[in-house]
Amino acid sequence: MPNHSHLLFRLRGVARLRTVLQQIKGSSSIKINKLLGRSGAFWVPESFDHIVRDEAQWQEKIDYITCNPVKRGLVIDAADYPWLFLKKATG
């Protein structure tokens, strides 16, 4: 999405959401700023996280993420959105 991103993942072991998001935002902001030739804050400090409790909710989130570029008028078919990466979760 042009102004936000969606991630759907499962935490494993003792991983904490706050730590994982800090690592993702930190490393990606450095790379994105380098590509854009800028510096400073890139991501807003907050995030909108949801706890997925079962497979039905997991599928609901996948459907939402997949349909989001279509709903926003960026593509006609979600398969045409170049930034959509779906990988089947294991375990």
N, C-alpha and C. Protein backbone atom coordinates (compact mmCIF):
# COMPACT_ATOMS: atom_id res chain seq x y z
N MET A 1 0.84 -1.17 0.00
CA MET A 1 0.00 0.00 0.00
C MET A 1 0.89 1.24 0.00
N PRO A 2 0.46 2.30 -0.63
CA PRO A 2 1.31 3.48 -0.72
C PRO A 2 1.61 4.15 0.63
N ASN A 3 0.70 4.04 1.59
CA ASN A 3 0.91 4.76 2.84
C ASN A 3 0.90 3.88 4.09
N HIS A 4 0.89 2.57 3.92
CA HIS A 4 0.96 1.67 5.08
C HIS A 4 1.31 0.26 4.59
N SER A 5 1.56 -0.60 5.53
CA SER A 5 1.88 -1.98 5.16
C SER A 5 1.08 -2.93 6.03
N HIS A 6 0.95 -4.14 5.55
CA HIS A 6 0.28 -5.21 6.30
C HIS A 6 1.27 -6.36 6.44
N LEU A 7 1.37 -6.89 7.63
CA LEU A 7 2.17 -8.08 7.89
C LEU A 7 1.31 -9.06 8.67
N LEU A 8 1.40 -10.31 8.31
CA LEU A 8 0.69 -11.36 9.04
C LEU A 8 1.72 -12.44 9.33
N PHE A 9 2.01 -12.63 10.60
CA PHE A 9 3.02 -13.62 10.97
C PHE A 9 2.70 -14.18 12.35
N ARG A 10 3.34 -15.31 12.63
CA ARG A 10 3.20 -15.96 13.92
C ARG A 10 4.49 -15.79 14.70
N LEU A 11 4.34 -15.38 15.95
CA LEU A 11 5.51 -15.30 16.82
C LEU A 11 5.86 -16.70 17.30
N ARG A 12 7.12 -16.97 17.39
CA ARG A 12 7.58 -18.30 17.83
C ARG A 12 8.47 -18.15 19.05
N GLY A 13 8.45 -19.18 19.86
CA GLY A 13 9.32 -19.19 21.03
C GLY A 13 9.02 -18.04 21.96
N VAL A 14 10.08 -17.36 22.37
CA VAL A 14 9.92 -16.26 23.33
C VAL A 14 9.88 -14.89 22.66
N ALA A 15 9.74 -14.87 21.35
CA ALA A 15 9.69 -13.61 20.61
C ALA A 15 8.55 -12.74 21.13
N ARG A 16 8.82 -11.45 21.22
CA ARG A 16 7.80 -10.50 21.67
C ARG A 16 7.46 -9.58 20.51
N LEU A 17 6.18 -9.30 20.36
CA LEU A 17 5.71 -8.50 19.23
C LEU A 17 6.42 -7.16 19.17
N ARG A 18 6.53 -6.48 20.28
CA ARG A 18 7.17 -5.16 20.29
C ARG A 18 8.60 -5.23 19.74
N THR A 19 9.35 -6.22 20.16
CA THR A 19 10.73 -6.38 19.72
C THR A 19 10.80 -6.69 18.23
N VAL A 20 9.95 -7.60 17.77
CA VAL A 20 9.94 -7.96 16.35
C VAL A 20 9.59 -6.75 15.49
N LEU A 21 8.57 -5.99 15.89
CA LEU A 21 8.19 -4.80 15.11
C LEU A 21 9.29 -3.75 15.12
N GLN A 22 9.98 -3.57 16.25
CA GLN A 22 11.09 -2.62 16.30
C GLN A 22 12.18 -3.04 15.32
N GLN A 23 12.47 -4.33 15.26
CA GLN A 23 13.51 -4.82 14.34
C GLN A 23 13.09 -4.63 12.89
N ILE A 24 11.83 -4.94 12.58
CA ILE A 24 11.34 -4.78 11.21
C ILE A 24 11.35 -3.31 10.80
N LYS A 25 10.80 -2.46 11.66
CA LYS A 25 10.73 -1.03 11.34
C LYS A 25 12.12 -0.41 11.28
N GLY A 26 13.00 -0.81 12.18
CA GLY A 26 14.35 -0.24 12.21
C GLY A 26 15.14 -0.57 10.96
N SER A 27 15.21 -1.85 10.63
CA SER A 27 16.02 -2.23 9.46
C SER A 27 15.39 -1.76 8.16
N SER A 28 14.06 -1.82 8.06
CA SER A 28 13.43 -1.39 6.81
C SER A 28 13.51 0.12 6.62
N SER A 29 13.42 0.90 7.70
CA SER A 29 13.49 2.35 7.55
C SER A 29 14.87 2.79 7.06
N ILE A 30 15.91 2.11 7.52
CA ILE A 30 17.27 2.42 7.04
C ILE A 30 17.36 2.15 5.54
N LYS A 31 16.86 1.00 5.10
CA LYS A 31 16.94 0.64 3.68
C LYS A 31 16.06 1.53 2.81
N ILE A 32 14.85 1.81 3.29
CA ILE A 32 13.93 2.66 2.51
C ILE A 32 14.48 4.07 2.39
N ASN A 33 14.96 4.64 3.51
CA ASN A 33 15.54 5.98 3.46
C ASN A 33 16.73 6.03 2.51
N LYS A 34 17.55 4.99 2.51
CA LYS A 34 18.69 4.95 1.59
C LYS A 34 18.22 4.96 0.14
N LEU A 35 17.19 4.14 -0.16
CA LEU A 35 16.64 4.11 -1.52
C LEU A 35 16.05 5.46 -1.93
N LEU A 36 15.44 6.16 -0.98
CA LEU A 36 14.81 7.45 -1.26
C LEU A 36 15.78 8.63 -1.15
N GLY A 37 17.01 8.34 -0.70
CA GLY A 37 17.98 9.41 -0.54
C GLY A 37 17.63 10.39 0.55
N ARG A 38 17.09 9.89 1.63
CA ARG A 38 16.69 10.75 2.75
C ARG A 38 17.12 10.12 4.06
N SER A 39 16.83 10.79 5.15
CA SER A 39 17.15 10.26 6.47
C SER A 39 16.05 10.65 7.43
N GLY A 40 16.12 10.12 8.63
CA GLY A 40 15.13 10.46 9.66
C GLY A 40 14.07 9.39 9.79
N ALA A 41 13.08 9.71 10.60
CA ALA A 41 12.00 8.76 10.87
C ALA A 41 11.24 8.43 9.59
N PHE A 42 10.90 7.18 9.44
CA PHE A 42 10.11 6.76 8.28
C PHE A 42 8.75 6.25 8.73
N TRP A 43 8.72 5.34 9.70
CA TRP A 43 7.47 4.75 10.18
C TRP A 43 6.91 5.58 11.34
N VAL A 44 5.59 5.62 11.44
CA VAL A 44 4.98 6.23 12.62
C VAL A 44 5.19 5.29 13.80
N PRO A 45 5.22 5.81 15.01
CA PRO A 45 5.56 4.97 16.16
C PRO A 45 4.55 3.86 16.48
N GLU A 46 3.29 4.08 16.20
CA GLU A 46 2.31 3.08 16.61
C GLU A 46 2.09 2.01 15.54
N SER A 47 1.43 0.96 15.94
CA SER A 47 1.02 -0.09 15.01
C SER A 47 -0.38 -0.53 15.42
N PHE A 48 -1.07 -1.15 14.51
CA PHE A 48 -2.41 -1.65 14.77
C PHE A 48 -2.36 -3.17 14.68
N ASP A 49 -2.16 -3.80 15.81
CA ASP A 49 -2.00 -5.25 15.81
C ASP A 49 -3.28 -5.94 16.27
N HIS A 50 -3.43 -7.15 15.83
CA HIS A 50 -4.60 -7.97 16.17
C HIS A 50 -4.11 -9.37 16.54
N ILE A 51 -4.72 -9.94 17.54
CA ILE A 51 -4.40 -11.32 17.90
C ILE A 51 -5.32 -12.23 17.11
N VAL A 52 -4.73 -13.12 16.36
CA VAL A 52 -5.49 -14.08 15.57
C VAL A 52 -5.59 -15.36 16.39
N ARG A 53 -6.81 -15.77 16.68
CA ARG A 53 -7.02 -16.87 17.62
C ARG A 53 -7.29 -18.23 16.98
N ASP A 54 -7.66 -18.23 15.70
CA ASP A 54 -7.94 -19.51 15.06
C ASP A 54 -7.75 -19.39 13.55
N GLU A 55 -7.87 -20.52 12.88
CA GLU A 55 -7.63 -20.55 11.43
C GLU A 55 -8.63 -19.68 10.66
N ALA A 56 -9.86 -19.59 11.14
CA ALA A 56 -10.86 -18.76 10.46
C ALA A 56 -10.44 -17.29 10.48
N GLN A 57 -9.95 -16.83 11.61
CA GLN A 57 -9.48 -15.44 11.70
C GLN A 57 -8.21 -15.24 10.87
N TRP A 58 -7.35 -16.25 10.85
CA TRP A 58 -6.14 -16.19 10.03
C TRP A 58 -6.53 -15.98 8.57
N GLN A 59 -7.49 -16.76 8.09
CA GLN A 59 -7.94 -16.65 6.70
C GLN A 59 -8.62 -15.30 6.46
N GLU A 60 -9.36 -14.82 7.44
CA GLU A 60 -10.00 -13.51 7.32
C GLU A 60 -8.96 -12.41 7.11
N LYS A 61 -7.87 -12.48 7.86
CA LYS A 61 -6.80 -11.48 7.72
C LYS A 61 -6.11 -11.60 6.36
N ILE A 62 -5.88 -12.81 5.90
CA ILE A 62 -5.28 -13.01 4.57
C ILE A 62 -6.20 -12.41 3.50
N ASP A 63 -7.48 -12.67 3.60
CA ASP A 63 -8.44 -12.13 2.63
C ASP A 63 -8.44 -10.60 2.65
N TYR A 64 -8.41 -10.02 3.84
CA TYR A 64 -8.39 -8.56 3.96
C TYR A 64 -7.14 -7.97 3.30
N ILE A 65 -5.99 -8.54 3.63
CA ILE A 65 -4.73 -8.05 3.09
C ILE A 65 -4.70 -8.20 1.57
N THR A 66 -5.17 -9.34 1.08
CA THR A 66 -5.17 -9.61 -0.36
C THR A 66 -6.10 -8.65 -1.10
N CYS A 67 -7.25 -8.36 -0.54
CA CYS A 67 -8.24 -7.51 -1.21
C CYS A 67 -7.97 -6.02 -1.06
N ASN A 68 -7.13 -5.62 -0.13
CA ASN A 68 -6.90 -4.21 0.17
C ASN A 68 -6.46 -3.39 -1.05
N PRO A 69 -5.50 -3.84 -1.86
CA PRO A 69 -5.11 -3.03 -3.03
C PRO A 69 -6.24 -2.90 -4.06
N VAL A 70 -7.10 -3.90 -4.15
CA VAL A 70 -8.24 -3.83 -5.07
C VAL A 70 -9.24 -2.80 -4.55
N LYS A 71 -9.55 -2.88 -3.25
CA LYS A 71 -10.50 -1.93 -2.65
C LYS A 71 -10.01 -0.49 -2.76
N ARG A 72 -8.70 -0.30 -2.71
CA ARG A 72 -8.12 1.04 -2.80
C ARG A 72 -7.95 1.51 -4.24
N GLY A 73 -8.32 0.65 -5.21
CA GLY A 73 -8.25 1.04 -6.62
C GLY A 73 -6.85 1.02 -7.21
N LEU A 74 -5.94 0.31 -6.57
CA LEU A 74 -4.57 0.25 -7.09
C LEU A 74 -4.42 -0.77 -8.21
N VAL A 75 -5.22 -1.82 -8.17
CA VAL A 75 -5.22 -2.86 -9.20
C VAL A 75 -6.65 -3.37 -9.36
N ILE A 76 -6.90 -4.03 -10.47
CA ILE A 76 -8.21 -4.64 -10.69
C ILE A 76 -8.25 -6.02 -10.06
N ASP A 77 -7.14 -6.74 -10.16
CA ASP A 77 -7.03 -8.09 -9.62
C ASP A 77 -5.88 -8.11 -8.62
N ALA A 78 -6.12 -8.65 -7.43
CA ALA A 78 -5.09 -8.68 -6.38
C ALA A 78 -3.80 -9.35 -6.85
N ALA A 79 -3.91 -10.32 -7.74
CA ALA A 79 -2.73 -11.02 -8.25
C ALA A 79 -1.81 -10.07 -9.03
N ASP A 80 -2.32 -8.92 -9.46
CA ASP A 80 -1.52 -7.95 -10.20
C ASP A 80 -0.77 -6.98 -9.29
N TYR A 81 -1.04 -7.03 -7.99
CA TYR A 81 -0.37 -6.12 -7.07
C TYR A 81 1.05 -6.62 -6.81
N PRO A 82 2.07 -5.83 -7.20
CA PRO A 82 3.45 -6.34 -7.16
C PRO A 82 4.01 -6.53 -5.75
N TRP A 83 3.38 -5.98 -4.74
CA TRP A 83 3.92 -6.05 -3.38
C TRP A 83 3.19 -7.06 -2.51
N LEU A 84 2.39 -7.91 -3.11
CA LEU A 84 1.66 -8.92 -2.35
C LEU A 84 2.47 -10.22 -2.35
N PHE A 85 2.91 -10.63 -1.19
CA PHE A 85 3.68 -11.86 -1.03
C PHE A 85 2.96 -12.74 -0.05
N LEU A 86 2.48 -13.85 -0.51
CA LEU A 86 1.80 -14.81 0.37
C LEU A 86 2.63 -16.08 0.44
N LYS A 87 2.91 -16.48 1.63
CA LYS A 87 3.64 -17.71 1.85
C LYS A 87 2.85 -18.52 2.86
N LYS A 88 2.60 -19.77 2.56
CA LYS A 88 1.83 -20.62 3.45
C LYS A 88 2.57 -20.81 4.76
N ALA A 89 1.86 -20.60 5.86
CA ALA A 89 2.45 -20.76 7.18
C ALA A 89 2.66 -22.24 7.48
N THR A 90 3.73 -22.53 8.17
CA THR A 90 4.00 -23.90 8.57
C THR A 90 4.05 -23.97 10.09
N GLY A 91 3.59 -25.09 10.60
CA GLY A 91 3.66 -25.37 12.03
C GLY A 91 2.95 -24.40 12.84
